[in-house]
Amino acid sequence: MQTLQFVILFTLFLLTVWLFFLNSRANHPSWAALEHRRYAHRGLHCSADSVPENSLAAFRRAIRHGYGAELDVHLLRDGTLAVFHDSDLKRMTGVTGVLEDCTAQDLAVLHLAGTPETIPQLCEVLSLYEGTGLPLVVELKSYRGNHRALAERTAKELDKYQIPCCMESFDPRCLMWLRAFRPEIIRGQLSENFRKDARGWEHFVGFLLSNLLFNAFTAPDFIAYKFEDRRRFAPRICRAFYGAHMFYWTVRTYEDLKAAEREGAQAIFEGFDPDGAERKSERKEDTP
């Protein structure tokens, strides 16, 4: 009997500790400007139309369709903020090199996916979105310990514009800096089930990230979780217990987008136009 009591008490203790580590911040006063929106992943890009991801053309296209956007930000060697997904330049430009080792002048001559589009600076994208009322999700892509400089520089750039926006990162150190020095900015923890492919030390860090155990130090306003992994216990507890808001990424079908929205999440979508899919669905329903 005593053993059973000990097991129960110890289990309750562990549960309490876990709940503490899942800490999230709810009810940010600016959240309303971000909800009930659809967000184009890296802009409304389309390779068939020669509109590459994270290009000014992709963001203009998203604006024309009335969508917010998710974009990726890196800090260059000269202090410029570039909008690009990978640190490796090869996939999108065909050039061998590391983005963070470049300057804005270096990037000006590189073209995205064989199109006339070049790698934009963050200020260029923000200029497009200012005055539209459409929101942005800005992902901080840290590199070799530059998380503090990246978060600070990005926050200062966002200060120059009147745009509904939030910042997110897989790197909890970026969010820790925002919590300490720019708590007014809506911040989110990106995550997924990292444990599937991790080994050794990466497996341990993946366990912490997958289960949102850095939340005790970051207190995010929202969780941005991979759509396919959204049923995991940690994001569900964050939402139910702390009232954390949810983003799901990356949603690739209209049916999944509607499922995300039914669950009260904001959807970051890619590979289709939700409005076009919606009209097509409505026409099917009207057909006798």
C-alpha atoms as a PDB file:
ATOM      1  CA  MET A   1       0.000   0.000   0.000  1.00  0.00           C
ATOM      2  CA  GLN A   2       2.805   2.395   0.904  1.00  0.00           C
ATOM      3  CA  THR A   3       4.550   1.561  -2.366  1.00  0.00           C
ATOM      4  CA  LEU A   4       1.380   2.365  -4.310  1.00  0.00           C
ATOM      5  CA  GLN A   5       0.988   5.681  -2.490  1.00  0.00           C
ATOM      6  CA  PHE A   6       4.600   6.549  -3.242  1.00  0.00           C
ATOM      7  CA  VAL A   7       4.145   5.755  -6.936  1.00  0.00           C
ATOM      8  CA  ILE A   8       0.994   7.883  -7.107  1.00  0.00           C
ATOM      9  CA  LEU A   9       2.605  10.819  -5.299  1.00  0.00           C
ATOM     10  CA  PHE A  10       5.760  10.594  -7.375  1.00  0.00           C
ATOM     11  CA  THR A  11       3.710  10.474 -10.578  1.00  0.00           C
ATOM     12  CA  LEU A  12       1.755  13.549  -9.494  1.00  0.00           C
ATOM     13  CA  PHE A  13       5.019  15.307  -8.679  1.00  0.00           C
ATOM     14  CA  LEU A  14       6.427  14.541 -12.125  1.00  0.00           C
ATOM     15  CA  LEU A  15       3.198  15.693 -13.767  1.00  0.00           C
ATOM     16  CA  THR A  16       3.321  18.968 -11.824  1.00  0.00           C
ATOM     17  CA  VAL A  17       6.929  19.546 -12.835  1.00  0.00           C
ATOM     18  CA  TRP A  18       6.104  18.794 -16.471  1.00  0.00           C
ATOM     19  CA  LEU A  19       3.176  21.205 -16.430  1.00  0.00           C
ATOM     20  CA  PHE A  20       5.496  23.859 -15.028  1.00  0.00           C
ATOM     21  CA  PHE A  21       7.906  23.337 -17.909  1.00  0.00           C
ATOM     22  CA  LEU A  22       5.072  23.640 -20.443  1.00  0.00           C
ATOM     23  CA  ASN A  23       4.425  27.216 -19.344  1.00  0.00           C
ATOM     24  CA  SER A  24       2.903  29.460 -22.023  1.00  0.00           C
ATOM     25  CA  ARG A  25       1.645  33.043 -22.097  1.00  0.00           C
ATOM     26  CA  ALA A  26      -1.952  33.554 -23.211  1.00  0.00           C
ATOM     27  CA  ASN A  27      -4.114  36.569 -24.045  1.00  0.00           C
ATOM     28  CA  HIS A  28      -1.534  38.842 -25.633  1.00  0.00           C
ATOM     29  CA  PRO A  29      -3.381  42.123 -26.358  1.00  0.00           C
ATOM     30  CA  SER A  30      -2.260  42.155 -30.004  1.00  0.00           C
ATOM     31  CA  TRP A  31      -3.160  38.558 -30.801  1.00  0.00           C
ATOM     32  CA  ALA A  32      -6.507  39.418 -32.411  1.00  0.00           C
ATOM     33  CA  ALA A  33      -4.699  40.946 -35.397  1.00  0.00           C
ATOM     34  CA  LEU A  34      -3.119  37.563 -36.176  1.00  0.00           C
ATOM     35  CA  GLU A  35      -6.027  35.169 -35.767  1.00  0.00           C
ATOM     36  CA  HIS A  36      -8.578  34.060 -38.367  1.00  0.00           C
ATOM     37  CA  ARG A  37      -5.984  34.554 -41.093  1.00  0.00           C
ATOM     38  CA  ARG A  38      -4.314  32.256 -43.583  1.00  0.00           C
ATOM     39  CA  TYR A  39      -0.556  32.432 -43.985  1.00  0.00           C
ATOM     40  CA  ALA A  40       1.306  31.618 -47.195  1.00  0.00           C
ATOM     41  CA  HIS A  41       4.433  29.617 -46.383  1.00  0.00           C
ATOM     42  CA  ARG A  42       7.431  31.616 -47.711  1.00  0.00           C
ATOM     43  CA  GLY A  43       4.939  33.711 -49.661  1.00  0.00           C
ATOM     44  CA  LEU A  44       2.452  32.452 -52.233  1.00  0.00           C
ATOM     45  CA  HIS A  45       5.149  30.865 -54.370  1.00  0.00           C
ATOM     46  CA  CYS A  46       4.574  28.670 -57.403  1.00  0.00           C
ATOM     47  CA  SER A  47       7.386  27.128 -59.432  1.00  0.00           C
ATOM     48  CA  ALA A  48       5.095  26.600 -62.434  1.00  0.00           C
ATOM     49  CA  ASP A  49       4.562  30.368 -62.601  1.00  0.00           C
ATOM     50  CA  SER A  50       8.256  31.145 -61.949  1.00  0.00           C
ATOM     51  CA  VAL A  51       7.453  32.625 -58.543  1.00  0.00           C
ATOM     52  CA  PRO A  52      10.095  31.228 -56.155  1.00  0.00           C
ATOM     53  CA  GLU A  53       9.753  30.886 -52.395  1.00  0.00           C
ATOM     54  CA  ASN A  54      10.698  33.842 -50.190  1.00  0.00           C
ATOM     55  CA  SER A  55      10.816  36.177 -53.201  1.00  0.00           C
ATOM     56  CA  LEU A  56       9.259  39.607 -53.498  1.00  0.00           C
ATOM     57  CA  ALA A  57       7.073  38.172 -56.273  1.00  0.00           C
ATOM     58  CA  ALA A  58       5.768  35.516 -53.864  1.00  0.00           C
ATOM     59  CA  PHE A  59       4.926  38.104 -51.216  1.00  0.00           C
ATOM     60  CA  ARG A  60       3.257  40.418 -53.734  1.00  0.00           C
ATOM     61  CA  ARG A  61       1.179  37.466 -54.905  1.00  0.00           C
ATOM     62  CA  ALA A  62       0.156  36.669 -51.322  1.00  0.00           C
ATOM     63  CA  ILE A  63      -0.899  40.276 -50.792  1.00  0.00           C
ATOM     64  CA  ARG A  64      -2.982  40.291 -53.990  1.00  0.00           C
ATOM     65  CA  HIS A  65      -4.829  37.224 -52.718  1.00  0.00           C
ATOM     66  CA  GLY A  66      -5.313  38.720 -49.247  1.00  0.00           C
ATOM     67  CA  TYR A  67      -3.032  36.343 -47.354  1.00  0.00           C
ATOM     68  CA  GLY A  68      -0.608  36.892 -44.548  1.00  0.00           C
ATOM     69  CA  ALA A  69       2.771  35.249 -44.965  1.00  0.00           C
ATOM     70  CA  GLU A  70       5.422  33.304 -43.125  1.00  0.00           C
ATOM     71  CA  LEU A  71       9.016  34.179 -43.948  1.00  0.00           C
ATOM     72  CA  ASP A  72      12.519  33.218 -42.828  1.00  0.00           C
ATOM     73  CA  VAL A  73      15.132  35.731 -41.661  1.00  0.00           C
ATOM     74  CA  HIS A  74      18.921  35.349 -41.470  1.00  0.00           C
ATOM     75  CA  LEU A  75      21.567  37.808 -40.264  1.00  0.00           C
ATOM     76  CA  LEU A  76      24.302  38.446 -42.825  1.00  0.00           C
ATOM     77  CA  ARG A  77      27.957  39.246 -42.189  1.00  0.00           C
ATOM     78  CA  ASP A  78      27.363  42.971 -42.753  1.00  0.00           C
ATOM     79  CA  GLY A  79      24.353  43.128 -40.411  1.00  0.00           C
ATOM     80  CA  THR A  80      21.740  42.967 -43.166  1.00  0.00           C
ATOM     81  CA  LEU A  81      18.633  40.847 -42.588  1.00  0.00           C
ATOM     82  CA  ALA A  82      17.966  38.549 -45.546  1.00  0.00           C
ATOM     83  CA  VAL A  83      14.760  36.638 -46.287  1.00  0.00           C
ATOM     84  CA  PHE A  84      15.801  33.107 -47.252  1.00  0.00           C
ATOM     85  CA  HIS A  85      15.156  29.648 -45.859  1.00  0.00           C
ATOM     86  CA  ASP A  86      18.442  27.750 -45.942  1.00  0.00           C
ATOM     87  CA  SER A  87      21.855  28.715 -44.663  1.00  0.00           C
ATOM     88  CA  ASP A  88      23.193  26.788 -47.659  1.00  0.00           C
ATOM     89  CA  LEU A  89      22.742  28.824 -50.847  1.00  0.00           C
ATOM     90  CA  LYS A  90      22.874  25.843 -53.210  1.00  0.00           C
ATOM     91  CA  ARG A  91      19.238  24.682 -53.372  1.00  0.00           C
ATOM     92  CA  MET A  92      17.715  28.003 -54.395  1.00  0.00           C
ATOM     93  CA  THR A  93      20.581  29.782 -56.166  1.00  0.00           C
ATOM     94  CA  GLY A  94      22.811  27.001 -57.508  1.00  0.00           C
ATOM     95  CA  VAL A  95      25.797  28.696 -55.860  1.00  0.00           C
ATOM     96  CA  THR A  96      27.961  27.000 -53.247  1.00  0.00           C
ATOM     97  CA  GLY A  97      28.244  29.059 -50.081  1.00  0.00           C
ATOM     98  CA  VAL A  98      26.858  29.945 -46.675  1.00  0.00           C
ATOM     99  CA  LEU A  99      24.310  32.750 -46.502  1.00  0.00           C
ATOM    100  CA  GLU A 100      25.589  34.164 -43.211  1.00  0.00           C
ATOM    101  CA  ASP A 101      29.082  34.595 -44.683  1.00  0.00           C
ATOM    102  CA  CYS A 102      27.718  36.927 -47.368  1.00  0.00           C
ATOM    103  CA  THR A 103      26.918  40.624 -47.536  1.00  0.00           C
ATOM    104  CA  ALA A 104      23.886  42.250 -49.123  1.00  0.00           C
ATOM    105  CA  GLN A 105      26.066  43.166 -52.105  1.00  0.00           C
ATOM    106  CA  ASP A 106      27.063  39.512 -52.550  1.00  0.00           C
ATOM    107  CA  LEU A 107      23.430  38.403 -52.636  1.00  0.00           C
ATOM    108  CA  ALA A 108      22.282  41.083 -55.070  1.00  0.00           C
ATOM    109  CA  VAL A 109      23.723  39.142 -58.017  1.00  0.00           C
ATOM    110  CA  LEU A 110      22.222  35.763 -57.052  1.00  0.00           C
ATOM    111  CA  HIS A 111      18.960  34.703 -58.667  1.00  0.00           C
ATOM    112  CA  LEU A 112      16.317  32.455 -57.130  1.00  0.00           C
ATOM    113  CA  ALA A 113      15.563  29.188 -58.938  1.00  0.00           C
ATOM    114  CA  GLY A 114      16.698  30.533 -62.304  1.00  0.00           C
ATOM    115  CA  THR A 115      14.248  33.456 -62.274  1.00  0.00           C
ATOM    116  CA  PRO A 116      14.951  37.213 -62.304  1.00  0.00           C
ATOM    117  CA  GLU A 117      14.043  37.274 -58.593  1.00  0.00           C
ATOM    118  CA  THR A 118      16.838  37.874 -56.071  1.00  0.00           C
ATOM    119  CA  ILE A 119      17.108  37.283 -52.322  1.00  0.00           C
ATOM    120  CA  PRO A 120      15.169  40.115 -50.661  1.00  0.00           C
ATOM    121  CA  GLN A 121      16.102  42.021 -47.550  1.00  0.00           C
ATOM    122  CA  LEU A 122      13.602  41.995 -44.695  1.00  0.00           C
ATOM    123  CA  CYS A 123      12.975  45.719 -45.083  1.00  0.00           C
ATOM    124  CA  GLU A 124      11.811  45.150 -48.671  1.00  0.00           C
ATOM    125  CA  VAL A 125       9.201  42.606 -47.610  1.00  0.00           C
ATOM    126  CA  LEU A 126       8.044  44.782 -44.729  1.00  0.00           C
ATOM    127  CA  SER A 127       7.610  47.712 -47.112  1.00  0.00           C
ATOM    128  CA  LEU A 128       5.295  45.573 -49.239  1.00  0.00           C
ATOM    129  CA  TYR A 129       3.124  44.590 -46.288  1.00  0.00           C
ATOM    130  CA  GLU A 130       2.917  47.959 -44.568  1.00  0.00           C
ATOM    131  CA  GLY A 131      -0.519  49.495 -44.989  1.00  0.00           C
ATOM    132  CA  THR A 132      -2.181  46.273 -46.147  1.00  0.00           C
ATOM    133  CA  GLY A 133      -3.410  45.191 -42.706  1.00  0.00           C
ATOM    134  CA  LEU A 134      -2.150  41.693 -43.488  1.00  0.00           C
ATOM    135  CA  PRO A 135      -0.020  39.949 -40.845  1.00  0.00           C
ATOM    136  CA  LEU A 136       3.420  38.355 -41.004  1.00  0.00           C
ATOM    137  CA  VAL A 137       4.998  35.440 -39.179  1.00  0.00           C
ATOM    138  CA  VAL A 138       8.740  36.091 -38.991  1.00  0.00           C
ATOM    139  CA  GLU A 139      10.864  33.013 -38.357  1.00  0.00           C
ATOM    140  CA  LEU A 140      14.307  33.649 -36.874  1.00  0.00           C
ATOM    141  CA  LYS A 141      16.915  31.340 -38.410  1.00  0.00           C
ATOM    142  CA  SER A 142      19.838  31.404 -35.999  1.00  0.00           C
ATOM    143  CA  TYR A 143      23.326  30.339 -37.055  1.00  0.00           C
ATOM    144  CA  ARG A 144      26.385  29.548 -34.949  1.00  0.00           C
ATOM    145  CA  GLY A 145      25.329  31.378 -31.818  1.00  0.00           C
ATOM    146  CA  ASN A 146      24.028  34.571 -33.431  1.00  0.00           C
ATOM    147  CA  HIS A 147      20.585  34.174 -31.817  1.00  0.00           C
ATOM    148  CA  ARG A 148      20.880  37.305 -29.679  1.00  0.00           C
ATOM    149  CA  ALA A 149      22.064  39.587 -32.484  1.00  0.00           C
ATOM    150  CA  LEU A 150      19.490  38.120 -34.875  1.00  0.00           C
ATOM    151  CA  ALA A 151      16.559  38.616 -32.502  1.00  0.00           C
ATOM    152  CA  GLU A 152      17.624  42.133 -31.544  1.00  0.00           C
ATOM    153  CA  ARG A 153      18.282  43.281 -35.099  1.00  0.00           C
ATOM    154  CA  THR A 154      14.990  41.832 -36.372  1.00  0.00           C
ATOM    155  CA  ALA A 155      12.985  43.414 -33.558  1.00  0.00           C
ATOM    156  CA  LYS A 156      14.506  46.821 -34.332  1.00  0.00           C
ATOM    157  CA  GLU A 157      13.656  46.434 -38.015  1.00  0.00           C
ATOM    158  CA  LEU A 158      10.047  45.527 -37.227  1.00  0.00           C
ATOM    159  CA  ASP A 159       9.795  48.641 -35.044  1.00  0.00           C
ATOM    160  CA  LYS A 160      10.043  50.789 -38.174  1.00  0.00           C
ATOM    161  CA  TYR A 161       6.802  49.458 -39.659  1.00  0.00           C
ATOM    162  CA  GLN A 162       3.154  49.300 -38.654  1.00  0.00           C
ATOM    163  CA  ILE A 163       2.443  45.663 -39.477  1.00  0.00           C
ATOM    164  CA  PRO A 164       0.625  43.002 -37.427  1.00  0.00           C
ATOM    165  CA  CYS A 165       3.346  40.445 -36.840  1.00  0.00           C
ATOM    166  CA  CYS A 166       4.862  37.852 -34.564  1.00  0.00           C
ATOM    167  CA  MET A 167       8.250  36.182 -34.286  1.00  0.00           C
ATOM    168  CA  GLU A 168       8.955  32.472 -33.990  1.00  0.00           C
ATOM    169  CA  SER A 169      11.951  30.173 -33.933  1.00  0.00           C
ATOM    170  CA  PHE A 170      13.032  26.600 -33.430  1.00  0.00           C
ATOM    171  CA  ASP A 171      15.873  28.037 -31.333  1.00  0.00           C
ATOM    172  CA  PRO A 172      14.534  28.727 -27.817  1.00  0.00           C
ATOM    173  CA  ARG A 173      17.428  31.108 -27.202  1.00  0.00           C
ATOM    174  CA  CYS A 174      15.844  33.583 -29.623  1.00  0.00           C
ATOM    175  CA  LEU A 175      12.617  33.457 -27.639  1.00  0.00           C
ATOM    176  CA  MET A 176      14.460  33.788 -24.339  1.00  0.00           C
ATOM    177  CA  TRP A 177      15.997  37.026 -25.601  1.00  0.00           C
ATOM    178  CA  LEU A 178      12.598  38.307 -26.732  1.00  0.00           C
ATOM    179  CA  ARG A 179      11.066  37.417 -23.383  1.00  0.00           C
ATOM    180  CA  ALA A 180      13.792  39.281 -21.498  1.00  0.00           C
ATOM    181  CA  PHE A 181      14.206  42.362 -23.683  1.00  0.00           C
ATOM    182  CA  ARG A 182      11.165  42.677 -25.984  1.00  0.00           C
ATOM    183  CA  PRO A 183       8.273  41.061 -24.098  1.00  0.00           C
ATOM    184  CA  GLU A 184       5.704  43.120 -26.013  1.00  0.00           C
ATOM    185  CA  ILE A 185       6.442  41.181 -29.218  1.00  0.00           C
ATOM    186  CA  ILE A 186       4.277  38.116 -29.801  1.00  0.00           C
ATOM    187  CA  ARG A 187       6.630  35.124 -29.774  1.00  0.00           C
ATOM    188  CA  GLY A 188       6.155  31.482 -30.708  1.00  0.00           C
ATOM    189  CA  GLN A 189       7.991  28.197 -30.296  1.00  0.00           C
ATOM    190  CA  LEU A 190       8.377  26.161 -33.469  1.00  0.00           C
ATOM    191  CA  SER A 191       8.488  22.422 -32.991  1.00  0.00           C
ATOM    192  CA  GLU A 192       7.753  18.971 -34.363  1.00  0.00           C
ATOM    193  CA  ASN A 193       8.539  15.384 -33.465  1.00  0.00           C
ATOM    194  CA  PHE A 194      12.334  15.701 -33.666  1.00  0.00           C
ATOM    195  CA  ARG A 195      12.929  12.334 -32.025  1.00  0.00           C
ATOM    196  CA  LYS A 196      12.088  10.265 -35.097  1.00  0.00           C
ATOM    197  CA  ASP A 197      15.507  10.673 -36.721  1.00  0.00           C
ATOM    198  CA  ALA A 198      17.725  12.017 -33.911  1.00  0.00           C
ATOM    199  CA  ARG A 199      20.634  10.150 -32.324  1.00  0.00           C
ATOM    200  CA  GLY A 200      22.759  10.671 -29.204  1.00  0.00           C
ATOM    201  CA  TRP A 201      22.879  14.259 -27.914  1.00  0.00           C
ATOM    202  CA  GLU A 202      20.559  15.338 -30.714  1.00  0.00           C
ATOM    203  CA  HIS A 203      18.047  12.797 -29.433  1.00  0.00           C
ATOM    204  CA  PHE A 204      18.068  14.427 -25.976  1.00  0.00           C
ATOM    205  CA  VAL A 205      17.718  17.955 -27.362  1.00  0.00           C
ATOM    206  CA  GLY A 206      15.037  16.667 -29.717  1.00  0.00           C
ATOM    207  CA  PHE A 207      13.176  15.213 -26.741  1.00  0.00           C
ATOM    208  CA  LEU A 208      13.213  18.607 -25.001  1.00  0.00           C
ATOM    209  CA  LEU A 209      12.099  20.481 -28.118  1.00  0.00           C
ATOM    210  CA  SER A 210       9.457  17.957 -29.162  1.00  0.00           C
ATOM    211  CA  ASN A 211       7.907  18.061 -25.700  1.00  0.00           C
ATOM    212  CA  LEU A 212       8.142  21.860 -25.444  1.00  0.00           C
ATOM    213  CA  LEU A 213      10.201  21.677 -22.258  1.00  0.00           C
ATOM    214  CA  PHE A 214      11.984  24.946 -23.026  1.00  0.00           C
ATOM    215  CA  ASN A 215       8.670  26.747 -22.499  1.00  0.00           C
ATOM    216  CA  ALA A 216       9.578  27.288 -18.852  1.00  0.00           C
ATOM    217  CA  PHE A 217      12.285  29.655 -20.083  1.00  0.00           C
ATOM    218  CA  THR A 218      10.576  31.137 -23.149  1.00  0.00           C
ATOM    219  CA  ALA A 219       6.865  31.425 -22.132  1.00  0.00           C
ATOM    220  CA  PRO A 220       5.684  31.541 -25.759  1.00  0.00           C
ATOM    221  CA  ASP A 221       2.413  33.151 -26.794  1.00  0.00           C
ATOM    222  CA  PHE A 222       1.832  30.424 -29.348  1.00  0.00           C
ATOM    223  CA  ILE A 223       3.084  27.037 -30.411  1.00  0.00           C
ATOM    224  CA  ALA A 224       3.816  26.459 -34.107  1.00  0.00           C
ATOM    225  CA  TYR A 225       3.718  22.690 -34.456  1.00  0.00           C
ATOM    226  CA  LYS A 226       4.069  20.485 -37.517  1.00  0.00           C
ATOM    227  CA  PHE A 227       0.583  19.637 -38.748  1.00  0.00           C
ATOM    228  CA  GLU A 228       1.224  15.892 -38.954  1.00  0.00           C
ATOM    229  CA  ASP A 229       2.534  15.846 -35.363  1.00  0.00           C
ATOM    230  CA  ARG A 230      -0.175  18.018 -33.825  1.00  0.00           C
ATOM    231  CA  ARG A 231      -1.766  15.125 -31.890  1.00  0.00           C
ATOM    232  CA  ARG A 232       1.261  14.846 -29.625  1.00  0.00           C
ATOM    233  CA  PHE A 233       0.519  15.322 -25.956  1.00  0.00           C
ATOM    234  CA  ALA A 234       2.718  18.379 -25.310  1.00  0.00           C
ATOM    235  CA  PRO A 235       1.061  20.864 -27.720  1.00  0.00           C
ATOM    236  CA  ARG A 236      -2.383  19.668 -26.690  1.00  0.00           C
ATOM    237  CA  ILE A 237      -1.581  20.213 -22.998  1.00  0.00           C
ATOM    238  CA  CYS A 238      -0.129  23.666 -23.723  1.00  0.00           C
ATOM    239  CA  ARG A 239      -3.362  24.628 -25.375  1.00  0.00           C
ATOM    240  CA  ALA A 240      -5.743  23.034 -22.861  1.00  0.00           C
ATOM    241  CA  PHE A 241      -3.916  23.980 -19.652  1.00  0.00           C
ATOM    242  CA  TYR A 242      -2.293  27.314 -20.507  1.00  0.00           C
ATOM    243  CA  GLY A 243      -4.494  28.528 -23.344  1.00  0.00           C
ATOM    244  CA  ALA A 244      -1.593  28.780 -25.781  1.00  0.00           C
ATOM    245  CA  HIS A 245      -2.542  29.723 -29.325  1.00  0.00           C
ATOM    246  CA  MET A 246      -1.619  27.354 -32.152  1.00  0.00           C
ATOM    247  CA  PHE A 247      -0.140  27.603 -35.627  1.00  0.00           C
ATOM    248  CA  TYR A 248       0.089  24.469 -37.767  1.00  0.00           C
ATOM    249  CA  TRP A 249       2.704  24.071 -40.502  1.00  0.00           C
ATOM    250  CA  THR A 250       2.969  23.213 -43.308  1.00  0.00           C
ATOM    251  CA  VAL A 251      -0.575  22.541 -44.515  1.00  0.00           C
ATOM    252  CA  ARG A 252      -0.557  21.272 -48.106  1.00  0.00           C
ATOM    253  CA  THR A 253      -4.203  20.496 -48.924  1.00  0.00           C
ATOM    254  CA  TYR A 254      -7.455  22.385 -48.608  1.00  0.00           C
ATOM    255  CA  GLU A 255      -8.924  19.565 -46.513  1.00  0.00           C
ATOM    256  CA  ASP A 256      -6.070  19.793 -44.009  1.00  0.00           C
ATOM    257  CA  LEU A 257      -6.405  23.569 -43.901  1.00  0.00           C
ATOM    258  CA  LYS A 258     -10.073  23.282 -42.978  1.00  0.00           C
ATOM    259  CA  ALA A 259      -9.200  20.674 -40.340  1.00  0.00           C
ATOM    260  CA  ALA A 260      -6.629  23.039 -38.825  1.00  0.00           C
ATOM    261  CA  GLU A 261      -9.136  25.878 -38.746  1.00  0.00           C
ATOM    262  CA  ARG A 262     -11.815  23.687 -37.179  1.00  0.00           C
ATOM    263  CA  GLU A 263      -9.325  23.015 -34.389  1.00  0.00           C
ATOM    264  CA  GLY A 264      -8.918  26.757 -33.859  1.00  0.00           C
ATOM    265  CA  ALA A 265      -5.379  26.955 -35.240  1.00  0.00           C
ATOM    266  CA  GLN A 266      -3.876  29.385 -37.715  1.00  0.00           C
ATOM    267  CA  ALA A 267      -2.720  27.549 -40.842  1.00  0.00           C
ATOM    268  CA  ILE A 268       0.561  28.120 -42.658  1.00  0.00           C
ATOM    269  CA  PHE A 269      -0.152  26.654 -46.088  1.00  0.00           C
ATOM    270  CA  GLU A 270       1.807  25.841 -49.232  1.00  0.00           C
ATOM    271  CA  GLY A 271       1.264  24.416 -52.696  1.00  0.00           C
ATOM    272  CA  PHE A 272      -2.319  25.578 -53.305  1.00  0.00           C
ATOM    273  CA  ASP A 273      -4.534  28.654 -53.216  1.00  0.00           C
ATOM    274  CA  PRO A 274      -7.115  28.243 -50.421  1.00  0.00           C
ATOM    275  CA  ASP A 275      -9.557  30.708 -51.976  1.00  0.00           C
ATOM    276  CA  GLY A 276      -9.442  28.892 -55.309  1.00  0.00           C
ATOM    277  CA  ALA A 277      -9.908  25.550 -53.569  1.00  0.00           C
ATOM    278  CA  GLU A 278     -12.802  27.007 -51.588  1.00  0.00           C
ATOM    279  CA  ARG A 279     -14.582  28.224 -54.707  1.00  0.00           C
ATOM    280  CA  LYS A 280     -14.074  24.838 -56.344  1.00  0.00           C
ATOM    281  CA  SER A 281     -15.500  23.102 -53.278  1.00  0.00           C
ATOM    282  CA  GLU A 282     -18.528  25.400 -53.253  1.00  0.00           C
ATOM    283  CA  ARG A 283     -19.222  24.691 -56.927  1.00  0.00           C
ATOM    284  CA  LYS A 284     -19.159  20.961 -56.230  1.00  0.00           C
ATOM    285  CA  GLU A 285     -21.643  21.409 -53.390  1.00  0.00           C
ATOM    286  CA  ASP A 286     -23.956  23.426 -55.647  1.00  0.00           C
ATOM    287  CA  THR A 287     -23.944  20.737 -58.341  1.00  0.00           C
ATOM    288  CA  PRO A 288     -27.196  18.691 -58.160  1.00  0.00           C
END
